[in-house]
Amino acid sequence: MARLRVVLVEDEDLFRSMLADAISQDPQLEVAGAFAGGSAALQASFDPPPDVALLDIVLEGGMNGVELGIALRARYPGIGVVLLSNHRNPAYLTALDPNASSGWSYLCKRTVRDVETVRRTIQGTALGLVVLDSELLASLRPRENSRISRLPPRRYELLQEIARGYTNAGIAANLGISVKTVENQINLLYRDLGIDTGNSAIQPRVRAVRLFLDETRTTEVS
């Protein structure tokens, strides 16, 4: 399997170097370029194109990570975008057009020391999924009378596992159940959320995570 090519844009030199080193040690990933700002990333030429961009939300030079992600996707339509932040604030993702939110993910900077989580996030984002940081998920609570609030506890837990970017096999291992049970429960989850799995160009997993973001509120932003 070809390695996923990753572009890093982070204006803190030490953090950028640490993240590049962590990614380079993973045989499934490759650093295609590391930059201190958005202008340099946009001026660079990549052949082949990168699969995923890891972007600090707060960048110097007048362009934030969300704007840079939109610009990179205009140039490389298939690129996934992982936003990096010191804060747990879902508004960076909920502000995106729901129909264009596939392949946009969110990691807290503290989490990038966990290489397995970084790998899972990059791989899921490259596939067009929306992957959320566990710290962000822990700070979210269902809005009153929302579809999310009416989920049985087990399916709410399942939705969180999907939001973390786990495959069905990964969810089965985490929850101590069979893959077949996971598949059945995911179908029931989609039914509970009113997600039609047959009539949309957007992956059901993406629609489920986006609905989770839209129907929850953060208990703290830090």
Protein backbone atom coordinates (compact mmCIF):
# COMPACT_ATOMS: atom_id res chain seq x y z
CA MET A 1 0.00 0.00 0.00
CA ALA A 2 1.34 3.42 -0.95
CA ARG A 3 2.11 5.72 1.95
CA LEU A 4 -0.21 8.65 2.56
CA ARG A 5 1.46 11.96 1.73
CA VAL A 6 0.98 14.59 4.43
CA VAL A 7 1.58 18.35 4.33
CA LEU A 8 2.15 20.19 7.63
CA VAL A 9 1.54 23.90 8.17
CA GLU A 10 2.44 25.04 11.68
CA ASP A 11 4.13 28.31 12.66
CA GLU A 12 5.70 26.97 15.87
CA ASP A 13 9.05 25.57 14.73
CA LEU A 14 9.51 23.08 17.57
CA PHE A 15 5.97 21.71 17.31
CA ARG A 16 6.21 21.44 13.52
CA SER A 17 9.49 19.53 13.81
CA MET A 18 8.08 17.22 16.49
CA LEU A 19 5.00 16.45 14.41
CA ALA A 20 7.05 15.85 11.26
CA ASP A 21 9.31 13.44 13.15
CA ALA A 22 6.35 11.53 14.56
CA ILE A 23 4.75 11.16 11.13
CA SER A 24 8.02 10.18 9.47
CA GLN A 25 8.44 7.28 11.89
CA ASP A 26 5.20 5.73 10.69
CA PRO A 27 5.75 3.44 7.67
CA GLN A 28 2.24 4.19 6.41
CA LEU A 29 2.78 7.97 6.29
CA GLU A 30 5.13 10.34 4.50
CA VAL A 31 5.78 14.05 5.05
CA ALA A 32 5.41 15.71 1.65
CA GLY A 33 6.25 19.17 3.00
CA ALA A 34 6.38 21.17 6.22
CA PHE A 35 5.76 24.93 6.25
CA ALA A 36 5.54 27.77 8.75
CA GLY A 37 2.75 29.60 6.94
CA GLY A 38 -0.06 29.32 4.42
CA SER A 39 1.59 31.32 1.64
CA ALA A 40 4.57 28.98 1.50
CA ALA A 41 2.29 25.93 1.39
CA LEU A 42 0.24 27.39 -1.45
CA GLN A 43 3.36 28.33 -3.43
CA ALA A 44 4.79 24.82 -3.18
CA SER A 45 4.41 22.31 -5.98
CA PHE A 46 3.59 18.69 -5.13
CA ASP A 47 3.89 15.70 -7.44
CA PRO A 48 2.06 13.54 -6.68
CA PRO A 49 -0.48 15.67 -4.81
CA PRO A 50 -0.69 15.33 -1.02
CA ASP A 51 -3.43 13.18 0.50
CA VAL A 52 -3.92 15.12 3.74
CA ALA A 53 -2.94 18.53 5.14
CA LEU A 54 -2.44 19.05 8.88
CA LEU A 55 -3.07 22.76 9.49
CA ASP A 56 -2.74 24.87 12.59
CA ILE A 57 -5.95 26.92 12.86
CA VAL A 58 -4.10 30.02 14.07
CA LEU A 59 -1.47 31.05 11.53
CA GLU A 60 0.46 34.24 11.00
CA GLY A 61 0.12 36.16 7.75
CA GLY A 62 -3.61 36.84 7.55
CA MET A 63 -4.80 33.34 6.55
CA ASN A 64 -6.11 30.92 9.17
CA GLY A 65 -6.11 27.14 8.90
CA VAL A 66 -9.71 26.90 7.73
CA GLU A 67 -9.10 29.39 4.90
CA LEU A 68 -5.90 27.60 3.96
CA GLY A 69 -7.72 24.26 3.93
CA ILE A 70 -10.34 25.65 1.56
CA ALA A 71 -7.61 27.04 -0.71
CA LEU A 72 -5.69 23.75 -0.73
CA ARG A 73 -8.84 21.79 -1.51
CA ALA A 74 -9.57 24.12 -4.44
CA ARG A 75 -6.12 23.23 -5.79
CA TYR A 76 -6.18 19.56 -4.79
CA PRO A 77 -9.86 18.51 -4.76
CA GLY A 78 -9.25 15.17 -3.08
CA ILE A 79 -7.13 16.43 -0.18
CA GLY A 80 -8.26 15.82 3.39
CA VAL A 81 -7.82 18.53 6.01
CA VAL A 82 -7.00 18.02 9.69
CA LEU A 83 -7.29 21.19 11.76
CA LEU A 84 -4.94 21.49 14.75
CA SER A 85 -5.90 23.62 17.72
CA ASN A 86 -5.06 24.35 21.34
CA HIS A 87 -8.79 24.78 21.97
CA ARG A 88 -11.81 22.49 22.08
CA ASN A 89 -14.14 24.44 19.83
CA PRO A 90 -16.39 22.60 17.34
CA ALA A 91 -17.41 25.88 15.68
CA TYR A 92 -14.43 25.56 13.33
CA LEU A 93 -16.14 22.54 11.76
CA THR A 94 -19.80 23.42 12.18
CA ALA A 95 -19.19 26.65 10.25
CA LEU A 96 -18.38 24.58 7.16
CA ASP A 97 -21.05 23.80 4.59
CA PRO A 98 -22.48 20.41 5.66
CA ASN A 99 -22.36 19.25 2.04
CA ALA A 100 -18.65 20.05 1.84
CA SER A 101 -17.53 18.84 5.26
CA SER A 102 -16.33 15.38 4.18
CA GLY A 103 -12.64 14.95 4.83
CA TRP A 104 -12.40 17.72 7.45
CA SER A 105 -11.17 16.58 10.86
CA TYR A 106 -10.10 18.13 14.15
CA LEU A 107 -7.28 17.34 16.57
CA CYS A 108 -6.16 19.06 19.74
CA LYS A 109 -2.43 19.75 19.74
CA ARG A 110 -1.96 17.85 22.97
CA THR A 111 -3.20 14.72 21.22
CA VAL A 112 -0.56 14.65 18.50
CA ARG A 113 1.86 12.99 20.92
CA ASP A 114 -0.34 9.90 20.46
CA VAL A 115 0.97 8.66 17.11
CA GLU A 116 -1.73 5.99 16.78
CA THR A 117 -4.44 8.64 17.04
CA VAL A 118 -2.66 10.84 14.50
CA ARG A 119 -2.40 7.89 12.11
CA ARG A 120 -6.07 6.97 12.54
CA THR A 121 -7.11 10.57 11.97
CA ILE A 122 -4.97 10.97 8.86
CA GLN A 123 -6.16 7.67 7.38
CA GLY A 124 -9.82 8.42 8.08
CA THR A 125 -9.54 11.95 6.72
CA ALA A 126 -7.88 10.68 3.54
CA LEU A 127 -10.94 8.46 3.04
CA GLY A 128 -13.24 11.47 3.34
CA LEU A 129 -14.38 10.84 6.91
CA VAL A 130 -14.79 13.42 9.68
CA VAL A 131 -12.62 12.46 12.66
CA LEU A 132 -12.85 14.30 15.98
CA ASP A 133 -10.43 14.53 18.88
CA SER A 134 -11.42 12.55 21.99
CA GLU A 135 -10.99 15.66 24.15
CA LEU A 136 -13.46 17.55 21.98
CA LEU A 137 -15.93 14.66 22.10
CA ALA A 138 -15.69 14.53 25.89
CA SER A 139 -16.68 18.20 26.11
CA LEU A 140 -19.84 17.82 23.99
CA ARG A 141 -23.33 17.19 25.39
CA PRO A 142 -26.54 16.54 23.42
CA ARG A 143 -28.90 19.48 22.99
CA GLU A 144 -32.27 19.06 24.64
CA ASN A 145 -34.89 17.25 22.53
CA SER A 146 -32.40 16.55 19.74
CA ARG A 147 -32.14 13.23 17.92
CA ILE A 148 -28.76 12.71 19.57
CA SER A 149 -30.31 13.16 23.03
CA ARG A 150 -32.79 10.33 22.34
CA LEU A 151 -30.17 7.74 21.42
CA PRO A 152 -29.82 4.74 23.73
CA PRO A 153 -26.54 4.94 25.68
CA ARG A 154 -24.91 2.12 23.69
CA ARG A 155 -25.66 3.79 20.35
CA TYR A 156 -24.45 7.14 21.64
CA GLU A 157 -21.20 5.39 22.57
CA LEU A 158 -21.09 3.83 19.11
CA LEU A 159 -21.53 7.25 17.49
CA GLN A 160 -18.59 8.57 19.50
CA GLU A 161 -16.45 5.65 18.30
CA ILE A 162 -17.40 6.48 14.70
CA ALA A 163 -16.49 10.12 15.35
CA ARG A 164 -13.06 9.03 16.61
CA GLY A 165 -12.44 7.45 13.21
CA TYR A 166 -12.48 3.79 14.19
CA THR A 167 -13.32 1.11 11.64
CA ASN A 168 -16.01 -1.46 12.44
CA ALA A 169 -13.27 -3.87 13.52
CA GLY A 170 -11.74 -1.20 15.75
CA ILE A 171 -15.11 -0.40 17.31
CA ALA A 172 -15.74 -4.11 17.94
CA ALA A 173 -12.40 -4.42 19.73
CA ASN A 174 -12.98 -1.27 21.79
CA LEU A 175 -16.49 -2.23 22.87
CA GLY A 176 -15.89 -5.97 23.27
CA ILE A 177 -18.53 -7.03 20.74
CA SER A 178 -18.48 -8.75 17.35
CA VAL A 179 -18.04 -6.94 14.05
CA LYS A 180 -21.48 -8.23 12.99
CA THR A 181 -23.03 -6.67 16.09
CA VAL A 182 -21.30 -3.39 15.27
CA GLU A 183 -22.70 -3.49 11.74
CA ASN A 184 -26.22 -4.16 13.03
CA GLN A 185 -25.98 -1.41 15.64
CA ILE A 186 -24.68 1.10 13.08
CA ASN A 187 -27.70 0.39 10.88
CA LEU A 188 -29.97 1.00 13.87
CA LEU A 189 -28.04 4.18 14.66
CA TYR A 190 -28.62 5.48 11.14
CA ARG A 191 -32.32 4.68 11.50
CA ASP A 192 -32.50 6.56 14.81
CA LEU A 193 -30.78 9.58 13.27
CA GLY A 194 -32.95 9.55 10.15
CA ILE A 195 -29.98 8.93 7.84
CA ASP A 196 -30.92 7.38 4.50
CA THR A 197 -27.93 5.29 3.51
CA GLY A 198 -29.00 4.84 -0.10
CA ASN A 199 -29.78 8.30 -1.43
CA SER A 200 -26.85 10.56 -0.69
CA ALA A 201 -23.42 11.22 -2.14
CA ILE A 202 -22.21 11.93 1.41
CA GLN A 203 -21.00 8.92 3.40
CA PRO A 204 -23.42 7.95 6.19
CA ARG A 205 -20.55 8.07 8.69
CA VAL A 206 -19.86 11.69 7.71
CA ARG A 207 -23.53 12.60 7.99
CA ALA A 208 -23.73 10.96 11.43
CA VAL A 209 -20.69 12.83 12.77
CA ARG A 210 -21.86 16.13 11.31
CA LEU A 211 -25.26 15.61 12.92
CA PHE A 212 -23.48 14.87 16.20
CA LEU A 213 -21.68 18.23 15.95
CA ASP A 214 -24.85 20.12 15.02
CA GLU A 215 -26.96 18.62 17.82
CA THR A 216 -24.49 18.92 20.67
CA ARG A 217 -23.09 21.83 22.67
CA THR A 218 -19.72 22.20 24.29
CA THR A 219 -19.55 22.33 28.07
CA GLU A 220 -16.30 24.27 27.94
CA VAL A 221 -14.05 25.88 25.39
CA SER A 222 -10.42 25.93 26.46
